[in-house]
């Protein structure tokens, strides 16, 4: 079960990296000084990736917890 813990930690880190990437992408879009419509379009593109990264990190954390409980 130790492998499940490590795999879950890696999956969590990948999800966390995705969340950080989404934050940086929106920050760059805000700094570009886009008008409201263009900024809204950029943010809408990132929302799906943000939710996917959040789901991935949650699944990774669940894998870690299950691995710990089964150890």
PDB file of N, CA and C in Angstrom:
ATOM      1  N   UNK A   1       0.804  -1.202   0.000  1.00  0.00           N
ATOM      2  CA  UNK A   1       0.000   0.000   0.000  1.00  0.00           C
ATOM      3  C   UNK A   1       0.850   1.270   0.000  1.00  0.00           C
ATOM      4  N   UNK A   2       2.133   1.099   0.275  1.00  0.00           N
ATOM      5  CA  UNK A   2       3.011   2.271   0.248  1.00  0.00           C
ATOM      6  C   UNK A   2       3.068   2.866  -1.159  1.00  0.00           C
ATOM      7  N   UNK A   3       2.976   2.006  -2.175  1.00  0.00           N
ATOM      8  CA  UNK A   3       2.982   2.504  -3.555  1.00  0.00           C
ATOM      9  C   UNK A   3       1.779   3.404  -3.824  1.00  0.00           C
ATOM     10  N   UNK A   4       0.632   3.051  -3.255  1.00  0.00           N
ATOM     11  CA  UNK A   4      -0.570   3.857  -3.437  1.00  0.00           C
ATOM     12  C   UNK A   4      -0.379   5.254  -2.850  1.00  0.00           C
ATOM     13  N   UNK A   5       0.309   5.327  -1.724  1.00  0.00           N
ATOM     14  CA  UNK A   5       0.569   6.622  -1.098  1.00  0.00           C
ATOM     15  C   UNK A   5       1.446   7.474  -2.001  1.00  0.00           C
ATOM     16  N   UNK A   6       2.512   6.895  -2.529  1.00  0.00           N
ATOM     17  CA  UNK A   6       3.436   7.654  -3.385  1.00  0.00           C
ATOM     18  C   UNK A   6       2.793   8.043  -4.713  1.00  0.00           C
ATOM     19  N   UNK A   7       2.035   7.135  -5.281  1.00  0.00           N
ATOM     20  CA  UNK A   7       1.337   7.465  -6.537  1.00  0.00           C
ATOM     21  C   UNK A   7       0.322   8.580  -6.289  1.00  0.00           C
ATOM     22  N   UNK A   8      -0.400   8.500  -5.184  1.00  0.00           N
ATOM     23  CA  UNK A   8      -1.355   9.552  -4.831  1.00  0.00           C
ATOM     24  C   UNK A   8      -0.670  10.885  -4.620  1.00  0.00           C
ATOM     25  N   UNK A   9       0.517  10.869  -4.010  1.00  0.00           N
ATOM     26  CA  UNK A   9       1.257  12.118  -3.800  1.00  0.00           C
ATOM     27  C   UNK A   9       1.671  12.730  -5.137  1.00  0.00           C
ATOM     28  N   UNK A  10       2.104  11.891  -6.072  1.00  0.00           N
ATOM     29  CA  UNK A  10       2.498  12.390  -7.390  1.00  0.00           C
ATOM     30  C   UNK A  10       1.291  12.963  -8.129  1.00  0.00           C
ATOM     31  N   UNK A  11       0.160  12.274  -8.069  1.00  0.00           N
ATOM     32  CA  UNK A  11      -1.057  12.757  -8.722  1.00  0.00           C
ATOM     33  C   UNK A  11      -1.484  14.091  -8.108  1.00  0.00           C
ATOM     34  N   UNK A  12      -1.381  14.207  -6.795  1.00  0.00           N
ATOM     35  CA  UNK A  12      -1.719  15.459  -6.121  1.00  0.00           C
ATOM     36  C   UNK A  12      -0.807  16.591  -6.572  1.00  0.00           C
ATOM     37  N   UNK A  13       0.474  16.317  -6.683  1.00  0.00           N
ATOM     38  CA  UNK A  13       1.417  17.350  -7.121  1.00  0.00           C
ATOM     39  C   UNK A  13       1.158  17.775  -8.567  1.00  0.00           C
ATOM     40  N   UNK A  14       0.777  16.834  -9.417  1.00  0.00           N
ATOM     41  CA  UNK A  14       0.433  17.189 -10.798  1.00  0.00           C
ATOM     42  C   UNK A  14      -0.797  18.099 -10.811  1.00  0.00           C
ATOM     43  N   UNK A  15      -1.794  17.761 -10.010  1.00  0.00           N
ATOM     44  CA  UNK A  15      -2.980  18.613  -9.908  1.00  0.00           C
ATOM     45  C   UNK A  15      -2.652  19.988  -9.355  1.00  0.00           C
ATOM     46  N   UNK A  16      -1.773  20.045  -8.367  1.00  0.00           N
ATOM     47  CA  UNK A  16      -1.366  21.323  -7.795  1.00  0.00           C
ATOM     48  C   UNK A  16      -0.613  22.160  -8.822  1.00  0.00           C
ATOM     49  N   UNK A  17       0.233  21.523  -9.616  1.00  0.00           N
ATOM     50  CA  UNK A  17       0.945  22.241 -10.680  1.00  0.00           C
ATOM     51  C   UNK A  17      -0.054  22.804 -11.697  1.00  0.00           C
ATOM     52  N   UNK A  18      -1.099  22.046 -11.988  1.00  0.00           N
ATOM     53  CA  UNK A  18      -2.142  22.537 -12.893  1.00  0.00           C
ATOM     54  C   UNK A  18      -2.866  23.748 -12.330  1.00  0.00           C
ATOM     55  N   UNK A  19      -3.134  23.725 -11.034  1.00  0.00           N
ATOM     56  CA  UNK A  19      -3.792  24.870 -10.397  1.00  0.00           C
ATOM     57  C   UNK A  19      -2.899  26.112 -10.440  1.00  0.00           C
ATOM     58  N   UNK A  20      -1.624  25.927 -10.173  1.00  0.00           N
ATOM     59  CA  UNK A  20      -0.687  27.058 -10.222  1.00  0.00           C
ATOM     60  C   UNK A  20      -0.593  27.597 -11.644  1.00  0.00           C
ATOM     61  N   UNK A  21      -0.572  26.707 -12.630  1.00  0.00           N
ATOM     62  CA  UNK A  21      -0.526  27.138 -14.030  1.00  0.00           C
ATOM     63  C   UNK A  21      -1.760  27.970 -14.373  1.00  0.00           C
ATOM     64  N   UNK A  22      -2.926  27.544 -13.901  1.00  0.00           N
ATOM     65  CA  UNK A  22      -4.158  28.303 -14.162  1.00  0.00           C
ATOM     66  C   UNK A  22      -4.089  29.687 -13.533  1.00  0.00           C
ATOM     67  N   UNK A  23      -3.571  29.772 -12.323  1.00  0.00           N
ATOM     68  CA  UNK A  23      -3.440  31.065 -11.652  1.00  0.00           C
ATOM     69  C   UNK A  23      -2.523  31.984 -12.444  1.00  0.00           C
ATOM     70  N   UNK A  24      -1.393  31.452 -12.878  1.00  0.00           N
ATOM     71  CA  UNK A  24      -0.440  32.263 -13.634  1.00  0.00           C
ATOM     72  C   UNK A  24      -1.014  32.707 -14.975  1.00  0.00           C
ATOM     73  N   UNK A  25      -1.777  31.832 -15.619  1.00  0.00           N
ATOM     74  CA  UNK A  25      -2.364  32.177 -16.912  1.00  0.00           C
ATOM     75  C   UNK A  25      -3.367  33.328 -16.764  1.00  0.00           C
ATOM     76  N   UNK A  26      -4.186  33.300 -15.729  1.00  0.00           N
ATOM     77  CA  UNK A  26      -5.154  34.370 -15.509  1.00  0.00           C
ATOM     78  C   UNK A  26      -4.443  35.662 -15.108  1.00  0.00           C
ATOM     79  N   UNK A  27      -3.389  35.545 -14.311  1.00  0.00           N
ATOM     80  CA  UNK A  27      -2.635  36.741 -13.937  1.00  0.00           C
ATOM     81  C   UNK A  27      -2.036  37.414 -15.164  1.00  0.00           C
ATOM     82  N   UNK A  28      -1.470  36.617 -16.069  1.00  0.00           N
ATOM     83  CA  UNK A  28      -0.903  37.181 -17.292  1.00  0.00           C
ATOM     84  C   UNK A  28      -1.983  37.868 -18.127  1.00  0.00           C
ATOM     85  N   UNK A  29      -3.150  37.251 -18.190  1.00  0.00           N
ATOM     86  CA  UNK A  29      -4.244  37.837 -18.968  1.00  0.00           C
ATOM     87  C   UNK A  29      -4.691  39.168 -18.347  1.00  0.00           C
ATOM     88  N   UNK A  30      -4.707  39.242 -17.030  1.00  0.00           N
ATOM     89  CA  UNK A  30      -5.114  40.490 -16.364  1.00  0.00           C
ATOM     90  C   UNK A  30      -4.080  41.589 -16.572  1.00  0.00           C
ATOM     91  N   UNK A  31      -2.802  41.218 -16.586  1.00  0.00           N
ATOM     92  CA  UNK A  31      -1.738  42.211 -16.767  1.00  0.00           C
ATOM     93  C   UNK A  31      -1.681  42.747 -18.192  1.00  0.00           C
ATOM     94  N   UNK A  32      -2.252  42.017 -19.148  1.00  0.00           N
ATOM     95  CA  UNK A  32      -2.229  42.461 -20.538  1.00  0.00           C
ATOM     96  C   UNK A  32      -3.158  43.645 -20.774  1.00  0.00           C
ATOM     97  N   UNK A  33      -4.021  43.916 -19.839  1.00  0.00           N
ATOM     98  CA  UNK A  33      -4.932  45.055 -19.965  1.00  0.00           C
ATOM     99  C   UNK A  33      -6.008  44.832 -21.010  1.00  0.00           C
ATOM    100  N   UNK A  34      -6.506  43.619 -21.100  1.00  0.00           N
ATOM    101  CA  UNK A  34      -7.563  43.302 -22.054  1.00  0.00           C
ATOM    102  C   UNK A  34      -8.871  43.956 -21.635  1.00  0.00           C
ATOM    103  N   UNK A  35      -9.749  44.160 -22.604  1.00  0.00           N
ATOM    104  CA  UNK A  35     -11.069  44.673 -22.252  1.00  0.00           C
ATOM    105  C   UNK A  35     -11.868  43.566 -21.559  1.00  0.00           C
ATOM    106  N   UNK A  36     -13.020  43.925 -21.033  1.00  0.00           N
ATOM    107  CA  UNK A  36     -13.795  42.981 -20.223  1.00  0.00           C
ATOM    108  C   UNK A  36     -14.166  41.708 -20.977  1.00  0.00           C
ATOM    109  N   UNK A  37     -14.579  41.849 -22.218  1.00  0.00           N
ATOM    110  CA  UNK A  37     -15.014  40.676 -22.993  1.00  0.00           C
ATOM    111  C   UNK A  37     -13.848  39.726 -23.266  1.00  0.00           C
ATOM    112  N   UNK A  38     -12.709  40.279 -23.634  1.00  0.00           N
ATOM    113  CA  UNK A  38     -11.536  39.444 -23.922  1.00  0.00           C
ATOM    114  C   UNK A  38     -11.030  38.761 -22.653  1.00  0.00           C
ATOM    115  N   UNK A  39     -11.039  39.490 -21.541  1.00  0.00           N
ATOM    116  CA  UNK A  39     -10.615  38.900 -20.278  1.00  0.00           C
ATOM    117  C   UNK A  39     -11.564  37.796 -19.844  1.00  0.00           C
ATOM    118  N   UNK A  40     -12.839  38.023 -20.028  1.00  0.00           N
ATOM    119  CA  UNK A  40     -13.845  37.011 -19.677  1.00  0.00           C
ATOM    120  C   UNK A  40     -13.651  35.757 -20.534  1.00  0.00           C
ATOM    121  N   UNK A  41     -13.348  35.926 -21.805  1.00  0.00           N
ATOM    122  CA  UNK A  41     -13.117  34.781 -22.689  1.00  0.00           C
ATOM    123  C   UNK A  41     -11.885  33.994 -22.249  1.00  0.00           C
ATOM    124  N   UNK A  42     -10.822  34.692 -21.850  1.00  0.00           N
ATOM    125  CA  UNK A  42      -9.606  34.013 -21.385  1.00  0.00           C
ATOM    126  C   UNK A  42      -9.876  33.233 -20.109  1.00  0.00           C
ATOM    127  N   UNK A  43     -10.626  33.840 -19.201  1.00  0.00           N
ATOM    128  CA  UNK A  43     -10.922  33.175 -17.934  1.00  0.00           C
ATOM    129  C   UNK A  43     -11.809  31.954 -18.169  1.00  0.00           C
ATOM    130  N   UNK A  44     -12.753  32.053 -19.094  1.00  0.00           N
ATOM    131  CA  UNK A  44     -13.617  30.911 -19.387  1.00  0.00           C
ATOM    132  C   UNK A  44     -12.825  29.743 -19.958  1.00  0.00           C
ATOM    133  N   UNK A  45     -11.769  30.020 -20.712  1.00  0.00           N
ATOM    134  CA  UNK A  45     -10.927  28.941 -21.235  1.00  0.00           C
ATOM    135  C   UNK A  45     -10.211  28.210 -20.110  1.00  0.00           C
ATOM    136  N   UNK A  46      -9.864  28.941 -19.059  1.00  0.00           N
ATOM    137  CA  UNK A  46      -9.074  28.362 -17.974  1.00  0.00           C
ATOM    138  C   UNK A  46      -9.949  27.620 -16.962  1.00  0.00           C
ATOM    139  N   UNK A  47     -11.236  27.941 -16.905  1.00  0.00           N
ATOM    140  CA  UNK A  47     -12.110  27.362 -15.885  1.00  0.00           C
ATOM    141  C   UNK A  47     -12.151  25.831 -15.973  1.00  0.00           C
ATOM    142  N   UNK A  48     -12.285  25.284 -17.154  1.00  0.00           N
ATOM    143  CA  UNK A  48     -12.351  23.828 -17.299  1.00  0.00           C
ATOM    144  C   UNK A  48     -11.045  23.173 -16.856  1.00  0.00           C
ATOM    145  N   UNK A  49      -9.935  23.764 -17.231  1.00  0.00           N
ATOM    146  CA  UNK A  49      -8.643  23.217 -16.807  1.00  0.00           C
ATOM    147  C   UNK A  49      -8.469  23.339 -15.296  1.00  0.00           C
ATOM    148  N   UNK A  50      -8.957  24.421 -14.739  1.00  0.00           N
ATOM    149  CA  UNK A  50      -8.879  24.622 -13.298  1.00  0.00           C
ATOM    150  C   UNK A  50      -9.672  23.547 -12.552  1.00  0.00           C
ATOM    151  N   UNK A  51     -10.868  23.282 -13.014  1.00  0.00           N
ATOM    152  CA  UNK A  51     -11.686  22.251 -12.366  1.00  0.00           C
ATOM    153  C   UNK A  51     -11.062  20.868 -12.524  1.00  0.00           C
ATOM    154  N   UNK A  52     -10.487  20.603 -13.687  1.00  0.00           N
ATOM    155  CA  UNK A  52      -9.809  19.321 -13.902  1.00  0.00           C
ATOM    156  C   UNK A  52      -8.612  19.156 -12.984  1.00  0.00           C
ATOM    157  N   UNK A  53      -7.827  20.215 -12.821  1.00  0.00           N
ATOM    158  CA  UNK A  53      -6.669  20.158 -11.933  1.00  0.00           C
ATOM    159  C   UNK A  53      -7.108  19.981 -10.481  1.00  0.00           C
ATOM    160  N   UNK A  54      -8.186  20.642 -10.101  1.00  0.00           N
ATOM    161  CA  UNK A  54      -8.713  20.493  -8.745  1.00  0.00           C
ATOM    162  C   UNK A  54      -9.189  19.062  -8.508  1.00  0.00           C
ATOM    163  N   UNK A  55      -9.874  18.498  -9.479  1.00  0.00           N
ATOM    164  CA  UNK A  55     -10.327  17.110  -9.367  1.00  0.00           C
ATOM    165  C   UNK A  55      -9.140  16.161  -9.270  1.00  0.00           C
ATOM    166  N   UNK A  56      -8.123  16.388 -10.070  1.00  0.00           N
ATOM    167  CA  UNK A  56      -6.945  15.537 -10.050  1.00  0.00           C
ATOM    168  C   UNK A  56      -6.249  15.589  -8.695  1.00  0.00           C
ATOM    169  N   UNK A  57      -6.115  16.765  -8.137  1.00  0.00           N
ATOM    170  CA  UNK A  57      -5.473  16.865  -6.826  1.00  0.00           C
ATOM    171  C   UNK A  57      -6.329  16.218  -5.736  1.00  0.00           C
ATOM    172  N   UNK A  58      -7.644  16.330  -5.836  1.00  0.00           N
ATOM    173  CA  UNK A  58      -8.523  15.692  -4.850  1.00  0.00           C
ATOM    174  C   UNK A  58      -8.440  14.170  -4.945  1.00  0.00           C
ATOM    175  N   UNK A  59      -8.392  13.651  -6.159  1.00  0.00           N
ATOM    176  CA  UNK A  59      -8.264  12.204  -6.340  1.00  0.00           C
ATOM    177  C   UNK A  59      -6.931  11.729  -5.764  1.00  0.00           C
ATOM    178  N   UNK A  60      -5.869  12.497  -6.006  1.00  0.00           N
ATOM    179  CA  UNK A  60      -4.565  12.140  -5.451  1.00  0.00           C
ATOM    180  C   UNK A  60      -4.584  12.112  -3.929  1.00  0.00           C
ATOM    181  N   UNK A  61      -5.232  13.098  -3.323  1.00  0.00           N
ATOM    182  CA  UNK A  61      -5.319  13.115  -1.861  1.00  0.00           C
ATOM    183  C   UNK A  61      -6.144  11.941  -1.341  1.00  0.00           C
ATOM    184  N   UNK A  62      -7.195  11.571  -2.076  1.00  0.00           N
ATOM    185  CA  UNK A  62      -7.979  10.401  -1.675  1.00  0.00           C
ATOM    186  C   UNK A  62      -7.140   9.133  -1.750  1.00  0.00           C
ATOM    187  N   UNK A  63      -6.299   9.033  -2.776  1.00  0.00           N
ATOM    188  CA  UNK A  63      -5.414   7.871  -2.896  1.00  0.00           C
ATOM    189  C   UNK A  63      -4.445   7.798  -1.721  1.00  0.00           C
ATOM    190  N   UNK A  64      -3.932   8.944  -1.302  1.00  0.00           N
ATOM    191  CA  UNK A  64      -3.016   8.974  -0.155  1.00  0.00           C
ATOM    192  C   UNK A  64      -3.737   8.521   1.102  1.00  0.00           C
ATOM    193  N   UNK A  65      -4.936   9.030   1.326  1.00  0.00           N
ATOM    194  CA  UNK A  65      -5.684   8.665   2.535  1.00  0.00           C
ATOM    195  C   UNK A  65      -6.023   7.178   2.542  1.00  0.00           C
ATOM    196  N   UNK A  66      -6.451   6.655   1.399  1.00  0.00           N
ATOM    197  CA  UNK A  66      -6.779   5.227   1.312  1.00  0.00           C
ATOM    198  C   UNK A  66      -5.525   4.386   1.543  1.00  0.00           C
ATOM    199  N   UNK A  67      -4.404   4.810   0.981  1.00  0.00           N
ATOM    200  CA  UNK A  67      -3.152   4.103   1.211  1.00  0.00           C
ATOM    201  C   UNK A  67      -2.739   4.091   2.665  1.00  0.00           C
ATOM    202  N   UNK A  68      -2.938   5.218   3.351  1.00  0.00           N
ATOM    203  CA  UNK A  68      -2.608   5.280   4.765  1.00  0.00           C
ATOM    204  C   UNK A  68      -3.544   4.394   5.590  1.00  0.00           C
ATOM    205  N   UNK A  69      -4.836   4.427   5.247  1.00  0.00           N
ATOM    206  CA  UNK A  69      -5.806   3.618   5.998  1.00  0.00           C
ATOM    207  C   UNK A  69      -5.565   2.118   5.809  1.00  0.00           C
ATOM    208  N   UNK A  70      -5.108   1.729   4.635  1.00  0.00           N
ATOM    209  CA  UNK A  70      -4.883   0.309   4.365  1.00  0.00           C
ATOM    210  C   UNK A  70      -3.523  -0.187   4.853  1.00  0.00           C
ATOM    211  N   UNK A  71      -2.657   0.734   5.250  1.00  0.00           N
ATOM    212  CA  UNK A  71      -1.326   0.326   5.731  1.00  0.00           C
ATOM    213  C   UNK A  71      -1.412  -0.251   7.124  1.00  0.00           C
TER     214      UNK A  71
END
